[in-house]
All heavy atoms as atom14 arrays in JSON, in Angstrom:
{
  "sequence": "NGAKQQAAEYAAMGISVKDASGQLKSSDVLLGE",
  "atom14_mask": [
    [1, 1, 1, 1, 1, 1, 1, 1, 0, 0, 0, 0, 0, 0],
    [1, 1, 1, 1, 0, 0, 0, 0, 0, 0, 0, 0, 0, 0],
    [1, 1, 1, 1, 1, 0, 0, 0, 0, 0, 0, 0, 0, 0],
    [1, 1, 1, 1, 1, 1, 1, 1, 1, 0, 0, 0, 0, 0],
    [1, 1, 1, 1, 1, 1, 1, 1, 1, 0, 0, 0, 0, 0],
    [1, 1, 1, 1, 1, 1, 1, 1, 1, 0, 0, 0, 0, 0],
    [1, 1, 1, 1, 1, 0, 0, 0, 0, 0, 0, 0, 0, 0],
    [1, 1, 1, 1, 1, 0, 0, 0, 0, 0, 0, 0, 0, 0],
    [1, 1, 1, 1, 1, 1, 1, 1, 1, 0, 0, 0, 0, 0],
    [1, 1, 1, 1, 1, 1, 1, 1, 1, 1, 1, 1, 0, 0],
    [1, 1, 1, 1, 1, 0, 0, 0, 0, 0, 0, 0, 0, 0],
    [1, 1, 1, 1, 1, 0, 0, 0, 0, 0, 0, 0, 0, 0],
    [1, 1, 1, 1, 1, 1, 1, 1, 0, 0, 0, 0, 0, 0],
    [1, 1, 1, 1, 0, 0, 0, 0, 0, 0, 0, 0, 0, 0],
    [1, 1, 1, 1, 1, 1, 1, 1, 0, 0, 0, 0, 0, 0],
    [1, 1, 1, 1, 1, 1, 0, 0, 0, 0, 0, 0, 0, 0],
    [1, 1, 1, 1, 1, 1, 1, 0, 0, 0, 0, 0, 0, 0],
    [1, 1, 1, 1, 1, 1, 1, 1, 1, 0, 0, 0, 0, 0],
    [1, 1, 1, 1, 1, 1, 1, 1, 0, 0, 0, 0, 0, 0],
    [1, 1, 1, 1, 1, 0, 0, 0, 0, 0, 0, 0, 0, 0],
    [1, 1, 1, 1, 1, 1, 0, 0, 0, 0, 0, 0, 0, 0],
    [1, 1, 1, 1, 0, 0, 0, 0, 0, 0, 0, 0, 0, 0],
    [1, 1, 1, 1, 1, 1, 1, 1, 1, 0, 0, 0, 0, 0],
    [1, 1, 1, 1, 1, 1, 1, 1, 0, 0, 0, 0, 0, 0],
    [1, 1, 1, 1, 1, 1, 1, 1, 1, 0, 0, 0, 0, 0],
    [1, 1, 1, 1, 1, 1, 0, 0, 0, 0, 0, 0, 0, 0],
    [1, 1, 1, 1, 1, 1, 0, 0, 0, 0, 0, 0, 0, 0],
    [1, 1, 1, 1, 1, 1, 1, 1, 0, 0, 0, 0, 0, 0],
    [1, 1, 1, 1, 1, 1, 1, 0, 0, 0, 0, 0, 0, 0],
    [1, 1, 1, 1, 1, 1, 1, 1, 0, 0, 0, 0, 0, 0],
    [1, 1, 1, 1, 1, 1, 1, 1, 0, 0, 0, 0, 0, 0],
    [1, 1, 1, 1, 0, 0, 0, 0, 0, 0, 0, 0, 0, 0],
    [1, 1, 1, 1, 1, 1, 1, 1, 1, 0, 0, 0, 0, 0]
  ],
  "atom14_positions": [
    [[0.81, -1.22, 0.0], [0.0, 0.0, 0.0], [0.84, 1.27, 0.0], [0.32, 2.37, 0.14], [-0.94, 0.0, 1.2], [-2.06, -1.03, 1.06], [-2.53, -1.28, -0.05], [-2.47, -1.62, 2.17], [0.0, 0.0, 0.0], [0.0, 0.0, 0.0], [0.0, 0.0, 0.0], [0.0, 0.0, 0.0], [0.0, 0.0, 0.0], [0.0, 0.0, 0.0]],
    [[2.17, 1.1, -0.12], [3.04, 2.26, -0.26], [3.67, 2.8, 1.0], [4.29, 3.87, 0.97], [0.0, 0.0, 0.0], [0.0, 0.0, 0.0], [0.0, 0.0, 0.0], [0.0, 0.0, 0.0], [0.0, 0.0, 0.0], [0.0, 0.0, 0.0], [0.0, 0.0, 0.0], [0.0, 0.0, 0.0], [0.0, 0.0, 0.0], [0.0, 0.0, 0.0]],
    [[3.55, 2.09, 2.13], [4.19, 2.53, 3.36], [5.71, 2.52, 3.14], [6.29, 1.49, 2.81], [3.82, 1.62, 4.52], [0.0, 0.0, 0.0], [0.0, 0.0, 0.0], [0.0, 0.0, 0.0], [0.0, 0.0, 0.0], [0.0, 0.0, 0.0], [0.0, 0.0, 0.0], [0.0, 0.0, 0.0], [0.0, 0.0, 0.0], [0.0, 0.0, 0.0]],
    [[6.35, 3.66, 3.31], [7.75, 3.82, 2.93], [8.7, 2.88, 3.7], [9.6, 2.28, 3.1], [8.18, 5.28, 3.12], [7.51, 6.23, 2.15], [8.02, 7.66, 2.33], [7.38, 8.62, 1.33], [7.88, 10.01, 1.49], [0.0, 0.0, 0.0], [0.0, 0.0, 0.0], [0.0, 0.0, 0.0], [0.0, 0.0, 0.0], [0.0, 0.0, 0.0]],
    [[8.54, 2.8, 5.01], [9.46, 2.01, 5.81], [9.4, 0.53, 5.43], [10.43, -0.11, 5.2], [9.15, 2.18, 7.31], [10.12, 1.4, 8.2], [9.83, 1.62, 9.68], [9.07, 2.51, 10.06], [10.44, 0.8, 10.53], [0.0, 0.0, 0.0], [0.0, 0.0, 0.0], [0.0, 0.0, 0.0], [0.0, 0.0, 0.0], [0.0, 0.0, 0.0]],
    [[8.19, 0.0, 5.36], [8.03, -1.42, 5.02], [8.45, -1.69, 3.58], [9.11, -2.7, 3.29], [6.58, -1.87, 5.24], [6.17, -1.99, 6.69], [5.77, -0.66, 7.31], [5.86, 0.4, 6.66], [5.33, -0.7, 8.56], [0.0, 0.0, 0.0], [0.0, 0.0, 0.0], [0.0, 0.0, 0.0], [0.0, 0.0, 0.0], [0.0, 0.0, 0.0]],
    [[8.09, -0.78, 2.67], [8.47, -0.96, 1.27], [9.99, -0.97, 1.11], [10.54, -1.74, 0.32], [7.86, 0.16, 0.43], [0.0, 0.0, 0.0], [0.0, 0.0, 0.0], [0.0, 0.0, 0.0], [0.0, 0.0, 0.0], [0.0, 0.0, 0.0], [0.0, 0.0, 0.0], [0.0, 0.0, 0.0], [0.0, 0.0, 0.0], [0.0, 0.0, 0.0]],
    [[10.66, -0.14, 1.91], [12.12, -0.06, 1.85], [12.77, -1.37, 2.32], [13.79, -1.79, 1.78], [12.61, 1.11, 2.69], [0.0, 0.0, 0.0], [0.0, 0.0, 0.0], [0.0, 0.0, 0.0], [0.0, 0.0, 0.0], [0.0, 0.0, 0.0], [0.0, 0.0, 0.0], [0.0, 0.0, 0.0], [0.0, 0.0, 0.0], [0.0, 0.0, 0.0]],
    [[12.18, -1.99, 3.33], [12.73, -3.25, 3.86], [12.7, -4.34, 2.79], [13.68, -5.07, 2.59], [11.94, -3.69, 5.1], [12.17, -2.85, 6.34], [13.58, -2.99, 6.9], [14.28, -3.96, 6.54], [13.97, -2.12, 7.7], [0.0, 0.0, 0.0], [0.0, 0.0, 0.0], [0.0, 0.0, 0.0], [0.0, 0.0, 0.0], [0.0, 0.0, 0.0]],
    [[11.58, -4.46, 2.12], [11.46, -5.5, 1.08], [12.32, -5.16, -0.13], [12.95, -6.05, -0.73], [10.0, -5.67, 0.67], [9.17, -6.4, 1.71], [8.38, -5.71, 2.62], [9.2, -7.79, 1.78], [7.64, -6.37, 3.58], [8.46, -8.47, 2.73], [7.69, -7.76, 3.63], [6.95, -8.43, 4.59], [0.0, 0.0, 0.0], [0.0, 0.0, 0.0]],
    [[12.36, -3.87, -0.48], [13.17, -3.45, -1.62], [14.65, -3.72, -1.37], [15.38, -4.11, -2.29], [12.94, -1.96, -1.9], [0.0, 0.0, 0.0], [0.0, 0.0, 0.0], [0.0, 0.0, 0.0], [0.0, 0.0, 0.0], [0.0, 0.0, 0.0], [0.0, 0.0, 0.0], [0.0, 0.0, 0.0], [0.0, 0.0, 0.0], [0.0, 0.0, 0.0]],
    [[15.09, -3.54, -0.13], [16.49, -3.77, 0.22], [16.88, -5.24, 0.02], [18.05, -5.54, -0.23], [16.74, -3.36, 1.67], [0.0, 0.0, 0.0], [0.0, 0.0, 0.0], [0.0, 0.0, 0.0], [0.0, 0.0, 0.0], [0.0, 0.0, 0.0], [0.0, 0.0, 0.0], [0.0, 0.0, 0.0], [0.0, 0.0, 0.0], [0.0, 0.0, 0.0]],
    [[15.9, -6.12, 0.13], [16.17, -7.55, -0.08], [15.95, -7.97, -1.52], [16.2, -9.11, -1.89], [15.27, -8.39, 0.84], [15.58, -8.26, 2.31], [14.61, -9.42, 3.32], [12.97, -8.75, 3.1], [0.0, 0.0, 0.0], [0.0, 0.0, 0.0], [0.0, 0.0, 0.0], [0.0, 0.0, 0.0], [0.0, 0.0, 0.0], [0.0, 0.0, 0.0]],
    [[15.43, -7.04, -2.34], [15.13, -7.38, -3.72], [13.9, -8.24, -3.86], [13.78, -9.04, -4.79], [0.0, 0.0, 0.0], [0.0, 0.0, 0.0], [0.0, 0.0, 0.0], [0.0, 0.0, 0.0], [0.0, 0.0, 0.0], [0.0, 0.0, 0.0], [0.0, 0.0, 0.0], [0.0, 0.0, 0.0], [0.0, 0.0, 0.0], [0.0, 0.0, 0.0]],
    [[12.96, -8.07, -2.92], [11.72, -8.86, -2.93], [10.53, -7.97, -3.24], [10.36, -6.9, -2.63], [11.5, -9.55, -1.57], [12.58, -10.6, -1.33], [10.11, -10.19, -1.49], [12.49, -11.28, 0.03], [0.0, 0.0, 0.0], [0.0, 0.0, 0.0], [0.0, 0.0, 0.0], [0.0, 0.0, 0.0], [0.0, 0.0, 0.0], [0.0, 0.0, 0.0]],
    [[9.71, -8.39, -4.17], [8.46, -7.7, -4.48], [7.34, -8.38, -3.7], [7.23, -9.61, -3.71], [8.16, -7.76, -5.97], [6.87, -7.24, -6.24], [0.0, 0.0, 0.0], [0.0, 0.0, 0.0], [0.0, 0.0, 0.0], [0.0, 0.0, 0.0], [0.0, 0.0, 0.0], [0.0, 0.0, 0.0], [0.0, 0.0, 0.0], [0.0, 0.0, 0.0]],
    [[6.52, -7.6, -3.04], [5.42, -8.18, -2.26], [4.23, -8.51, -3.15], [3.27, -9.13, -2.69], [4.98, -7.24, -1.12], [6.11, -7.05, -0.12], [4.49, -5.9, -1.66], [0.0, 0.0, 0.0], [0.0, 0.0, 0.0], [0.0, 0.0, 0.0], [0.0, 0.0, 0.0], [0.0, 0.0, 0.0], [0.0, 0.0, 0.0], [0.0, 0.0, 0.0]],
    [[4.3, -8.09, -4.42], [3.22, -8.37, -5.35], [3.69, -9.37, -6.41], [4.87, -9.41, -6.77], [2.74, -7.1, -6.03], [2.09, -6.09, -5.07], [1.59, -4.86, -5.81], [0.92, -3.86, -4.88], [0.43, -2.66, -5.6], [0.0, 0.0, 0.0], [0.0, 0.0, 0.0], [0.0, 0.0, 0.0], [0.0, 0.0, 0.0], [0.0, 0.0, 0.0]],
    [[2.75, -10.17, -6.9], [3.08, -11.12, -7.95], [2.99, -10.45, -9.33], [2.74, -9.24, -9.42], [2.18, -12.36, -7.88], [0.69, -12.03, -8.03], [0.36, -10.98, -8.62], [-0.14, -12.83, -7.56], [0.0, 0.0, 0.0], [0.0, 0.0, 0.0], [0.0, 0.0, 0.0], [0.0, 0.0, 0.0], [0.0, 0.0, 0.0], [0.0, 0.0, 0.0]],
    [[3.17, -11.24, -10.38], [3.18, -10.69, -11.73], [1.87, -10.03, -12.13], [1.84, -9.14, -12.98], [3.53, -11.79, -12.73], [0.0, 0.0, 0.0], [0.0, 0.0, 0.0], [0.0, 0.0, 0.0], [0.0, 0.0, 0.0], [0.0, 0.0, 0.0], [0.0, 0.0, 0.0], [0.0, 0.0, 0.0], [0.0, 0.0, 0.0], [0.0, 0.0, 0.0]],
    [[0.78, -10.46, -11.49], [-0.54, -9.89, -11.81], [-0.88, -8.68, -10.94], [-1.97, -8.13, -11.05], [-1.63, -10.96, -11.67], [-1.73, -11.39, -10.32], [0.0, 0.0, 0.0], [0.0, 0.0, 0.0], [0.0, 0.0, 0.0], [0.0, 0.0, 0.0], [0.0, 0.0, 0.0], [0.0, 0.0, 0.0], [0.0, 0.0, 0.0], [0.0, 0.0, 0.0]],
    [[0.06, -8.31, -10.06], [-0.17, -7.14, -9.21], [-0.88, -7.45, -7.92], [-1.23, -6.53, -7.17], [0.0, 0.0, 0.0], [0.0, 0.0, 0.0], [0.0, 0.0, 0.0], [0.0, 0.0, 0.0], [0.0, 0.0, 0.0], [0.0, 0.0, 0.0], [0.0, 0.0, 0.0], [0.0, 0.0, 0.0], [0.0, 0.0, 0.0], [0.0, 0.0, 0.0]],
    [[-1.09, -8.74, -7.63], [-1.76, -9.14, -6.38], [-0.74, -9.37, -5.28], [0.4, -9.77, -5.53], [-2.57, -10.42, -6.61], [-3.67, -10.29, -7.65], [-4.7, -9.25, -7.26], [-5.22, -9.25, -6.15], [-5.01, -8.35, -8.19], [0.0, 0.0, 0.0], [0.0, 0.0, 0.0], [0.0, 0.0, 0.0], [0.0, 0.0, 0.0], [0.0, 0.0, 0.0]],
    [[-1.15, -9.11, -4.05], [-0.28, -9.33, -2.9], [0.05, -10.83, -2.78], [-0.85, -11.66, -2.82], [-0.96, -8.85, -1.62], [-0.17, -9.0, -0.31], [1.08, -8.12, -0.33], [-1.06, -8.62, 0.88], [0.0, 0.0, 0.0], [0.0, 0.0, 0.0], [0.0, 0.0, 0.0], [0.0, 0.0, 0.0], [0.0, 0.0, 0.0], [0.0, 0.0, 0.0]],
    [[1.32, -11.15, -2.66], [1.72, -12.55, -2.52], [1.25, -13.1, -1.17], [1.16, -12.35, -0.19], [3.24, -12.68, -2.61], [3.82, -12.35, -3.98], [5.35, -12.41, -3.96], [5.94, -12.05, -5.3], [7.43, -12.0, -5.26], [0.0, 0.0, 0.0], [0.0, 0.0, 0.0], [0.0, 0.0, 0.0], [0.0, 0.0, 0.0], [0.0, 0.0, 0.0]],
    [[0.99, -14.38, -1.11], [0.6, -14.99, 0.16], [1.79, -14.99, 1.1], [2.96, -14.98, 0.67], [0.1, -16.43, -0.06], [1.14, -17.24, -0.57], [0.0, 0.0, 0.0], [0.0, 0.0, 0.0], [0.0, 0.0, 0.0], [0.0, 0.0, 0.0], [0.0, 0.0, 0.0], [0.0, 0.0, 0.0], [0.0, 0.0, 0.0], [0.0, 0.0, 0.0]],
    [[1.52, -15.02, 2.38], [2.59, -14.93, 3.38], [3.55, -16.11, 3.31], [4.74, -15.96, 3.6], [1.98, -14.84, 4.79], [1.26, -13.63, 4.93], [0.0, 0.0, 0.0], [0.0, 0.0, 0.0], [0.0, 0.0, 0.0], [0.0, 0.0, 0.0], [0.0, 0.0, 0.0], [0.0, 0.0, 0.0], [0.0, 0.0, 0.0], [0.0, 0.0, 0.0]],
    [[3.05, -17.3, 2.95], [3.94, -18.46, 2.87], [4.91, -18.32, 1.69], [6.07, -18.73, 1.78], [3.15, -19.76, 2.77], [2.04, -19.74, 1.74], [1.3, -18.74, 1.71], [1.9, -20.71, 0.98], [0.0, 0.0, 0.0], [0.0, 0.0, 0.0], [0.0, 0.0, 0.0], [0.0, 0.0, 0.0], [0.0, 0.0, 0.0], [0.0, 0.0, 0.0]],
    [[4.45, -17.72, 0.59], [5.33, -17.48, -0.56], [6.41, -16.47, -0.17], [7.6, -16.65, -0.46], [4.52, -16.98, -1.77], [5.46, -16.48, -2.88], [3.64, -18.1, -2.31], [0.0, 0.0, 0.0], [0.0, 0.0, 0.0], [0.0, 0.0, 0.0], [0.0, 0.0, 0.0], [0.0, 0.0, 0.0], [0.0, 0.0, 0.0], [0.0, 0.0, 0.0]],
    [[6.0, -15.39, 0.48], [6.96, -14.36, 0.91], [7.94, -14.93, 1.93], [9.13, -14.61, 1.89], [6.21, -13.17, 1.51], [5.54, -12.23, 0.51], [4.66, -11.21, 1.23], [6.59, -11.52, -0.35], [0.0, 0.0, 0.0], [0.0, 0.0, 0.0], [0.0, 0.0, 0.0], [0.0, 0.0, 0.0], [0.0, 0.0, 0.0], [0.0, 0.0, 0.0]],
    [[7.46, -15.78, 2.81], [8.34, -16.38, 3.81], [9.46, -17.16, 3.12], [10.62, -17.08, 3.52], [7.55, -17.31, 4.73], [8.36, -18.0, 5.84], [8.8, -16.97, 6.87], [7.53, -19.1, 6.5], [0.0, 0.0, 0.0], [0.0, 0.0, 0.0], [0.0, 0.0, 0.0], [0.0, 0.0, 0.0], [0.0, 0.0, 0.0], [0.0, 0.0, 0.0]],
    [[9.09, -17.91, 2.09], [10.09, -18.68, 1.35], [11.11, -17.79, 0.67], [12.32, -18.09, 0.68], [0.0, 0.0, 0.0], [0.0, 0.0, 0.0], [0.0, 0.0, 0.0], [0.0, 0.0, 0.0], [0.0, 0.0, 0.0], [0.0, 0.0, 0.0], [0.0, 0.0, 0.0], [0.0, 0.0, 0.0], [0.0, 0.0, 0.0], [0.0, 0.0, 0.0]],
    [[10.66, -16.69, 0.09], [11.57, -15.77, -0.59], [12.49, -15.09, 0.42], [13.69, -14.91, 0.17], [10.77, -14.73, -1.37], [9.99, -15.32, -2.54], [9.26, -14.26, -3.35], [9.55, -13.06, -3.17], [8.4, -14.62, -4.17], [0.0, 0.0, 0.0], [0.0, 0.0, 0.0], [0.0, 0.0, 0.0], [0.0, 0.0, 0.0], [0.0, 0.0, 0.0]]
  ]
}
């Protein structure tokens, strides 16, 4: 949703929280990444 602090944390790891269709990834998928 654009929160800067959280977005920066994921960006620093090179992880997108959204999938190719623009939907939020499930937590288990993100956990694996």
